[in-house]
Amino acid sequence: MTSPEPRRPPTPRPLGRGDLRLLLLSLIGEQPRHGYELIQQISEMFVRVYTPSAGSVYPLLADFEKQRWVSAEEDGGRKRYHITNLGQAQLKLRAEDVETARMRARHNSRVIARESLPAPLRDAMHQFTHSLMLRKGDWQDADVARIAGLIAEATALVQQQSQEN
């Protein structure tokens, strides 16, 4: 009888409680945006491994309007959201929470992206980074150049495969 594969820790939730709310308001604070544009911005934060649903974003935008944190103007049949003075005050009041939400999003996006890789690639990357960390002593220029060349070669192969698919 074979032993079961060791269980990996569960993939983290993309966003913590209230993070989407903070991220959306901060993105609107950077510049006026449409709802769809906000969805795309969050998706890009997560290297497209997580995209918030319209059903989670638009109710928050409606709540922001109700709270008077944003105002919306019609723009070609869509709403463009602008931060208001009350919204700016809310962002200032919650600045630390906004930064924490952004850091959590960056961290979780890397974890989710890594977990979405095929297991052999994930394991190889882990072994490689572990080997680099354990490397002691001086690096010889020839070794550095050879390893950097191999990494560049692997990177080019992945990029080529991405373009072909």
Protein backbone atom coordinates (compact mmCIF):
# COMPACT_ATOMS: atom_id res chain seq x y z
CA MET A 1 0.00 0.00 0.00
CA THR A 2 1.42 3.36 -0.99
CA SER A 3 1.23 6.30 1.30
CA PRO A 4 -0.87 9.21 0.09
CA GLU A 5 0.81 12.27 -1.35
CA PRO A 6 1.58 14.85 1.31
CA ARG A 7 -1.16 17.44 1.48
CA ARG A 8 -0.23 20.89 0.31
CA PRO A 9 -1.56 23.81 2.26
CA PRO A 10 -4.70 25.24 0.69
CA THR A 11 -4.31 28.07 -1.78
CA PRO A 12 -5.07 31.33 0.01
CA ARG A 13 -8.18 33.31 -0.77
CA PRO A 14 -7.23 35.96 -3.28
CA LEU A 15 -8.42 38.80 -1.06
CA GLY A 16 -9.01 39.17 2.64
CA ARG A 17 -12.30 40.37 4.06
CA GLY A 18 -12.88 43.95 2.93
CA ASP A 19 -9.80 44.04 0.67
CA LEU A 20 -11.76 44.33 -2.58
CA ARG A 21 -13.59 47.34 -1.16
CA LEU A 22 -10.33 49.06 -0.22
CA LEU A 23 -8.59 48.22 -3.50
CA LEU A 24 -11.48 49.50 -5.60
CA LEU A 25 -11.70 52.78 -3.71
CA SER A 26 -7.93 53.28 -3.90
CA LEU A 27 -7.90 52.59 -7.66
CA ILE A 28 -10.66 55.17 -8.15
CA GLY A 29 -8.61 57.51 -5.95
CA GLU A 30 -5.70 57.18 -8.38
CA GLN A 31 -7.84 58.16 -11.38
CA PRO A 32 -11.48 58.00 -12.51
CA ARG A 33 -12.39 54.56 -13.85
CA HIS A 34 -15.26 52.51 -15.27
CA GLY A 35 -16.42 49.41 -13.40
CA TYR A 36 -15.09 47.09 -16.10
CA GLU A 37 -11.74 48.88 -15.97
CA LEU A 38 -11.60 48.30 -12.20
CA ILE A 39 -12.29 44.59 -12.71
CA GLN A 40 -9.44 44.44 -15.24
CA GLN A 41 -7.07 46.33 -12.91
CA ILE A 42 -7.70 43.87 -10.07
CA SER A 43 -7.28 40.97 -12.51
CA GLU A 44 -3.92 42.39 -13.62
CA MET A 45 -2.82 42.65 -9.97
CA PHE A 46 -3.38 38.89 -9.84
CA VAL A 47 -1.65 38.16 -13.15
CA ARG A 48 -5.09 37.09 -14.39
CA VAL A 49 -5.28 34.05 -12.10
CA TYR A 50 -8.11 35.78 -10.22
CA THR A 51 -10.70 38.20 -11.60
CA PRO A 52 -13.42 39.62 -9.36
CA SER A 53 -16.93 39.11 -10.65
CA ALA A 54 -19.14 41.96 -11.75
CA GLY A 55 -21.55 40.72 -9.08
CA SER A 56 -19.00 41.54 -6.38
CA VAL A 57 -17.70 44.82 -7.85
CA TYR A 58 -20.82 46.71 -8.94
CA PRO A 59 -22.66 46.44 -5.59
CA LEU A 60 -19.57 47.92 -3.91
CA LEU A 61 -19.52 50.77 -6.42
CA ALA A 62 -23.22 51.40 -5.73
CA ASP A 63 -22.44 51.44 -2.00
CA PHE A 64 -19.59 53.90 -2.59
CA GLU A 65 -22.07 56.19 -4.38
CA LYS A 66 -24.55 55.82 -1.53
CA GLN A 67 -21.80 56.68 1.00
CA ARG A 68 -20.86 59.62 -1.29
CA TRP A 69 -17.28 58.38 -1.51
CA VAL A 70 -17.52 58.43 -5.31
CA SER A 71 -19.61 60.17 -7.89
CA ALA A 72 -20.50 58.62 -11.21
CA GLU A 73 -20.90 60.30 -14.55
CA GLU A 74 -22.34 58.77 -17.70
CA ASP A 75 -19.65 58.12 -20.27
CA GLY A 76 -20.79 56.46 -23.48
CA GLY A 77 -23.47 54.38 -21.79
CA ARG A 78 -21.17 53.41 -18.92
CA LYS A 79 -20.49 55.00 -15.56
CA ARG A 80 -17.12 56.53 -14.84
CA TYR A 81 -16.45 56.74 -11.11
CA HIS A 82 -14.62 59.72 -9.56
CA ILE A 83 -13.39 59.95 -5.99
CA THR A 84 -15.07 62.66 -3.87
CA ASN A 85 -13.67 64.61 -0.93
CA LEU A 86 -15.44 62.16 1.39
CA GLY A 87 -13.84 59.27 -0.50
CA GLN A 88 -10.40 60.89 -0.22
CA ALA A 89 -10.96 61.33 3.51
CA GLN A 90 -11.95 57.66 3.79
CA LEU A 91 -8.78 56.62 1.93
CA LYS A 92 -6.67 58.82 4.19
CA LEU A 93 -8.35 57.39 7.29
CA ARG A 94 -7.79 53.82 6.04
CA ALA A 95 -4.37 54.36 4.39
CA GLU A 96 -2.69 51.66 6.48
CA ASP A 97 -5.49 49.18 5.69
CA VAL A 98 -5.23 50.02 1.98
CA GLU A 99 -1.48 49.34 2.00
CA THR A 100 -2.02 46.07 3.88
CA ALA A 101 -4.67 45.02 1.33
CA ARG A 102 -2.28 45.82 -1.53
CA MET A 103 0.54 43.85 0.10
CA ARG A 104 -1.78 40.90 0.75
CA ALA A 105 -2.97 41.02 -2.88
CA ARG A 106 0.63 41.03 -4.16
CA HIS A 107 1.59 38.12 -1.90
CA ASN A 108 -1.52 36.06 -2.63
CA SER A 109 -1.23 36.65 -6.37
CA ARG A 110 2.26 35.14 -6.33
CA VAL A 111 1.11 32.17 -4.25
CA ILE A 112 -1.92 31.53 -6.48
CA ALA A 113 0.16 31.87 -9.66
CA ARG A 114 2.76 29.46 -8.27
CA GLU A 115 0.10 26.96 -7.20
CA SER A 116 -1.45 27.05 -10.67
CA LEU A 117 1.78 25.78 -12.23
CA PRO A 118 2.16 22.08 -13.04
CA ALA A 119 3.66 20.23 -10.05
CA PRO A 120 6.94 19.30 -11.80
CA LEU A 121 7.62 22.98 -12.62
CA ARG A 122 6.67 24.10 -9.12
CA ASP A 123 8.96 21.47 -7.59
CA ALA A 124 11.85 22.36 -9.91
CA MET A 125 11.49 26.06 -9.07
CA HIS A 126 11.46 25.24 -5.35
CA GLN A 127 14.57 23.07 -5.65
CA PHE A 128 16.35 25.77 -7.65
CA THR A 129 15.60 28.62 -5.23
CA HIS A 130 16.44 26.37 -2.27
CA SER A 131 19.80 25.52 -3.86
CA LEU A 132 20.55 29.20 -4.43
CA MET A 133 19.79 30.03 -0.80
CA LEU A 134 22.01 27.23 0.47
CA ARG A 135 24.90 28.24 -1.79
CA LYS A 136 27.82 29.25 0.37
CA GLY A 137 31.04 31.00 -0.48
CA ASP A 138 32.21 33.09 -3.35
CA TRP A 139 30.64 32.77 -6.75
CA GLN A 140 32.96 32.24 -9.67
CA ASP A 141 32.22 34.51 -12.63
CA ALA A 142 32.03 31.52 -14.97
CA ASP A 143 29.45 29.80 -12.74
CA VAL A 144 27.36 32.96 -12.48
CA ALA A 145 27.43 33.43 -16.26
CA ARG A 146 26.53 29.78 -16.91
CA ILE A 147 23.61 29.75 -14.45
CA ALA A 148 22.33 33.13 -15.67
CA GLY A 149 22.52 31.82 -19.24
CA LEU A 150 20.51 28.71 -18.35
CA ILE A 151 17.87 30.84 -16.63
CA ALA A 152 17.68 33.16 -19.64
CA GLU A 153 17.35 30.14 -21.94
CA ALA A 154 14.52 28.68 -19.84
CA THR A 155 12.80 32.08 -19.73
CA ALA A 156 12.98 32.39 -23.51
CA LEU A 157 11.50 28.89 -23.90
CA VAL A 158 8.55 29.73 -21.61
CA GLN A 159 7.94 33.02 -23.44
CA GLN A 160 8.08 31.25 -26.80
CA GLN A 161 5.58 28.62 -25.60
CA SER A 162 3.28 31.38 -24.33
CA GLN A 163 3.30 33.11 -27.71
CA GLU A 164 2.59 29.85 -29.56
CA ASN A 165 -0.44 29.06 -27.38
